[in-house]
Amino acid sequence: MTANVVFEGKQPIKVRYVLTYRDGKIVSETWQIDPRLAVSGY
């Protein structure tokens, strides 16, 4: 699973959040800061 998110504060931080599942459980979690990331609101 991958999600592009923005943390709001004094300055927005764009982050790609990657979860890896195995047998229905989270086995890996990665946060990658990417200022050029395209993030859409809803």
PDB file of N, CA and C in Angstrom:
ATOM      1  N   MET A   1       0.836  -1.160   0.000  1.00  0.00           N
ATOM      2  CA  MET A   1       0.000   0.000   0.000  1.00  0.00           C
ATOM      3  C   MET A   1       0.890   1.236   0.000  1.00  0.00           C
ATOM      4  N   THR A   2       0.531   2.226  -0.810  1.00  0.00           N
ATOM      5  CA  THR A   2       1.276   3.485  -0.873  1.00  0.00           C
ATOM      6  C   THR A   2       0.305   4.638  -0.745  1.00  0.00           C
ATOM      7  N   ALA A   3       0.682   5.650   0.031  1.00  0.00           N
ATOM      8  CA  ALA A   3      -0.140   6.853   0.161  1.00  0.00           C
ATOM      9  C   ALA A   3       0.770   8.071   0.079  1.00  0.00           C
ATOM     10  N   ASN A   4       0.305   9.102  -0.609  1.00  0.00           N
ATOM     11  CA  ASN A   4       1.003  10.383  -0.643  1.00  0.00           C
ATOM     12  C   ASN A   4       0.269  11.316   0.309  1.00  0.00           C
ATOM     13  N   VAL A   5       0.979  11.844   1.298  1.00  0.00           N
ATOM     14  CA  VAL A   5       0.333  12.679   2.312  1.00  0.00           C
ATOM     15  C   VAL A   5       1.097  13.980   2.507  1.00  0.00           C
ATOM     16  N   VAL A   6       0.415  14.976   3.087  1.00  0.00           N
ATOM     17  CA  VAL A   6       1.044  16.251   3.418  1.00  0.00           C
ATOM     18  C   VAL A   6       0.812  16.511   4.898  1.00  0.00           C
ATOM     19  N   PHE A   7       1.884  16.751   5.632  1.00  0.00           N
ATOM     20  CA  PHE A   7       1.780  17.157   7.026  1.00  0.00           C
ATOM     21  C   PHE A   7       1.764  18.673   7.053  1.00  0.00           C
ATOM     22  N   GLU A   8       0.709  19.251   7.620  1.00  0.00           N
ATOM     23  CA  GLU A   8       0.571  20.708   7.673  1.00  0.00           C
ATOM     24  C   GLU A   8       1.202  21.230   8.957  1.00  0.00           C
ATOM     25  N   GLY A   9       1.809  22.390   8.851  1.00  0.00           N
ATOM     26  CA  GLY A   9       2.429  23.050   9.998  1.00  0.00           C
ATOM     27  C   GLY A   9       2.939  24.398   9.535  1.00  0.00           C
ATOM     28  N   LYS A  10       4.028  24.867  10.120  1.00  0.00           N
ATOM     29  CA  LYS A  10       4.619  26.120   9.649  1.00  0.00           C
ATOM     30  C   LYS A  10       4.983  26.014   8.183  1.00  0.00           C
ATOM     31  N   GLN A  11       5.420  24.822   7.790  1.00  0.00           N
ATOM     32  CA  GLN A  11       5.736  24.552   6.389  1.00  0.00           C
ATOM     33  C   GLN A  11       5.240  23.149   6.054  1.00  0.00           C
ATOM     34  N   PRO A  12       4.448  22.997   4.968  1.00  0.00           N
ATOM     35  CA  PRO A  12       3.950  21.660   4.607  1.00  0.00           C
ATOM     36  C   PRO A  12       5.098  20.710   4.258  1.00  0.00           C
ATOM     37  N   ILE A  13       4.951  19.450   4.653  1.00  0.00           N
ATOM     38  CA  ILE A  13       5.948  18.425   4.340  1.00  0.00           C
ATOM     39  C   ILE A  13       5.247  17.331   3.540  1.00  0.00           C
ATOM     40  N   LYS A  14       5.686  17.117   2.289  1.00  0.00           N
ATOM     41  CA  LYS A  14       5.110  16.077   1.435  1.00  0.00           C
ATOM     42  C   LYS A  14       5.846  14.770   1.669  1.00  0.00           C
ATOM     43  N   VAL A  15       5.078  13.721   1.927  1.00  0.00           N
ATOM     44  CA  VAL A  15       5.655  12.438   2.314  1.00  0.00           C
ATOM     45  C   VAL A  15       4.981  11.300   1.548  1.00  0.00           C
ATOM     46  N   ARG A  16       5.772  10.347   1.091  1.00  0.00           N
ATOM     47  CA  ARG A  16       5.259   9.102   0.516  1.00  0.00           C
ATOM     48  C   ARG A  16       5.350   8.049   1.616  1.00  0.00           C
ATOM     49  N   TYR A  17       4.227   7.412   1.897  1.00  0.00           N
ATOM     50  CA  TYR A  17       4.123   6.432   2.976  1.00  0.00           C
ATOM     51  C   TYR A  17       3.907   5.064   2.335  1.00  0.00           C
ATOM     52  N   VAL A  18       4.810   4.127   2.598  1.00  0.00           N
ATOM     53  CA  VAL A  18       4.738   2.803   1.972  1.00  0.00           C
ATOM     54  C   VAL A  18       4.634   1.730   3.057  1.00  0.00           C
ATOM     55  N   LEU A  19       3.563   0.938   2.980  1.00  0.00           N
ATOM     56  CA  LEU A  19       3.381  -0.186   3.903  1.00  0.00           C
ATOM     57  C   LEU A  19       3.522  -1.486   3.123  1.00  0.00           C
ATOM     58  N   THR A  20       4.218  -2.454   3.697  1.00  0.00           N
ATOM     59  CA  THR A  20       4.328  -3.781   3.092  1.00  0.00           C
ATOM     60  C   THR A  20       3.670  -4.781   4.037  1.00  0.00           C
ATOM     61  N   TYR A  21       2.735  -5.555   3.488  1.00  0.00           N
ATOM     62  CA  TYR A  21       2.016  -6.560   4.268  1.00  0.00           C
ATOM     63  C   TYR A  21       2.487  -7.952   3.912  1.00  0.00           C
ATOM     64  N   ARG A  22       2.474  -8.838   4.899  1.00  0.00           N
ATOM     65  CA  ARG A  22       2.735 -10.255   4.657  1.00  0.00           C
ATOM     66  C   ARG A  22       1.826 -11.042   5.594  1.00  0.00           C
ATOM     67  N   ASP A  23       1.041 -11.931   5.040  1.00  0.00           N
ATOM     68  CA  ASP A  23       0.088 -12.735   5.818  1.00  0.00           C
ATOM     69  C   ASP A  23      -0.859 -11.857   6.630  1.00  0.00           C
ATOM     70  N   GLY A  24      -1.279 -10.722   6.034  1.00  0.00           N
ATOM     71  CA  GLY A  24      -2.245  -9.845   6.688  1.00  0.00           C
ATOM     72  C   GLY A  24      -1.675  -8.970   7.787  1.00  0.00           C
ATOM     73  N   LYS A  25      -0.349  -8.951   7.940  1.00  0.00           N
ATOM     74  CA  LYS A  25       0.281  -8.128   8.978  1.00  0.00           C
ATOM     75  C   LYS A  25       1.287  -7.176   8.345  1.00  0.00           C
ATOM     76  N   ILE A  26       1.427  -5.996   8.946  1.00  0.00           N
ATOM     77  CA  ILE A  26       2.417  -5.034   8.455  1.00  0.00           C
ATOM     78  C   ILE A  26       3.807  -5.537   8.832  1.00  0.00           C
ATOM     79  N   VAL A  27       4.680  -5.676   7.832  1.00  0.00           N
ATOM     80  CA  VAL A  27       6.044  -6.144   8.086  1.00  0.00           C
ATOM     81  C   VAL A  27       7.076  -5.059   7.801  1.00  0.00           C
ATOM     82  N   SER A  28       6.644  -3.996   7.110  1.00  0.00           N
ATOM     83  CA  SER A  28       7.579  -2.917   6.786  1.00  0.00           C
ATOM     84  C   SER A  28       6.793  -1.620   6.645  1.00  0.00           C
ATOM     85  N   GLU A  29       7.386  -0.540   7.134  1.00  0.00           N
ATOM     86  CA  GLU A  29       6.774   0.778   7.048  1.00  0.00           C
ATOM     87  C   GLU A  29       7.872   1.772   6.681  1.00  0.00           C
ATOM     88  N   THR A  30       7.674   2.514   5.578  1.00  0.00           N
ATOM     89  CA  THR A  30       8.692   3.445   5.104  1.00  0.00           C
ATOM     90  C   THR A  30       8.071   4.814   4.869  1.00  0.00           C
ATOM     91  N   TRP A  31       8.721   5.859   5.371  1.00  0.00           N
ATOM     92  CA  TRP A  31       8.310   7.245   5.150  1.00  0.00           C
ATOM     93  C   TRP A  31       9.409   7.910   4.324  1.00  0.00           C
ATOM     94  N   GLN A  32       9.034   8.489   3.175  1.00  0.00           N
ATOM     95  CA  GLN A  32      10.017   9.152   2.321  1.00  0.00           C
ATOM     96  C   GLN A  32       9.567  10.590   2.086  1.00  0.00           C
ATOM     97  N   ILE A  33      10.367  11.559   2.517  1.00  0.00           N
ATOM     98  CA  ILE A  33      10.059  12.970   2.259  1.00  0.00           C
ATOM     99  C   ILE A  33      10.418  13.277   0.817  1.00  0.00           C
ATOM    100  N   ASP A  34       9.461  13.865   0.084  1.00  0.00           N
ATOM    101  CA  ASP A  34       9.662  14.199  -1.326  1.00  0.00           C
ATOM    102  C   ASP A  34       8.972  15.528  -1.627  1.00  0.00           C
ATOM    103  N   PRO A  35       9.721  16.636  -1.638  1.00  0.00           N
ATOM    104  CA  PRO A  35       9.124  17.955  -1.862  1.00  0.00           C
ATOM    105  C   PRO A  35       8.401  18.079  -3.203  1.00  0.00           C
ATOM    106  N   ARG A  36       8.732  17.227  -4.178  1.00  0.00           N
ATOM    107  CA  ARG A  36       8.115  17.313  -5.519  1.00  0.00           C
ATOM    108  C   ARG A  36       6.911  16.406  -5.656  1.00  0.00           C
ATOM    109  N   LEU A  37       6.530  15.717  -4.589  1.00  0.00           N
ATOM    110  CA  LEU A  37       5.447  14.751  -4.628  1.00  0.00           C
ATOM    111  C   LEU A  37       4.116  15.408  -5.003  1.00  0.00           C
ATOM    112  N   ALA A  38       3.357  14.752  -5.867  1.00  0.00           N
ATOM    113  CA  ALA A  38       2.024  15.229  -6.231  1.00  0.00           C
ATOM    114  C   ALA A  38       1.024  14.668  -5.230  1.00  0.00           C
ATOM    115  N   VAL A  39       0.362  15.561  -4.501  1.00  0.00           N
ATOM    116  CA  VAL A  39      -0.604  15.146  -3.493  1.00  0.00           C
ATOM    117  C   VAL A  39      -1.937  15.773  -3.819  1.00  0.00           C
ATOM    118  N   SER A  40      -2.980  14.959  -3.899  1.00  0.00           N
ATOM    119  CA  SER A  40      -4.310  15.488  -4.183  1.00  0.00           C
ATOM    120  C   SER A  40      -5.163  15.480  -2.931  1.00  0.00           C
ATOM    121  N   GLY A  41      -5.977  16.507  -2.763  1.00  0.00           N
ATOM    122  CA  GLY A  41      -6.867  16.583  -1.618  1.00  0.00           C
ATOM    123  C   GLY A  41      -8.197  15.940  -1.937  1.00  0.00           C
ATOM    124  N   TYR A  42      -9.010  15.765  -0.905  1.00  0.00           N
ATOM    125  CA  TYR A  42     -10.352  15.222  -1.130  1.00  0.00           C
ATOM    126  C   TYR A  42     -11.331  15.864  -0.201  1.00  0.00           C
TER     127      TYR A  42
END
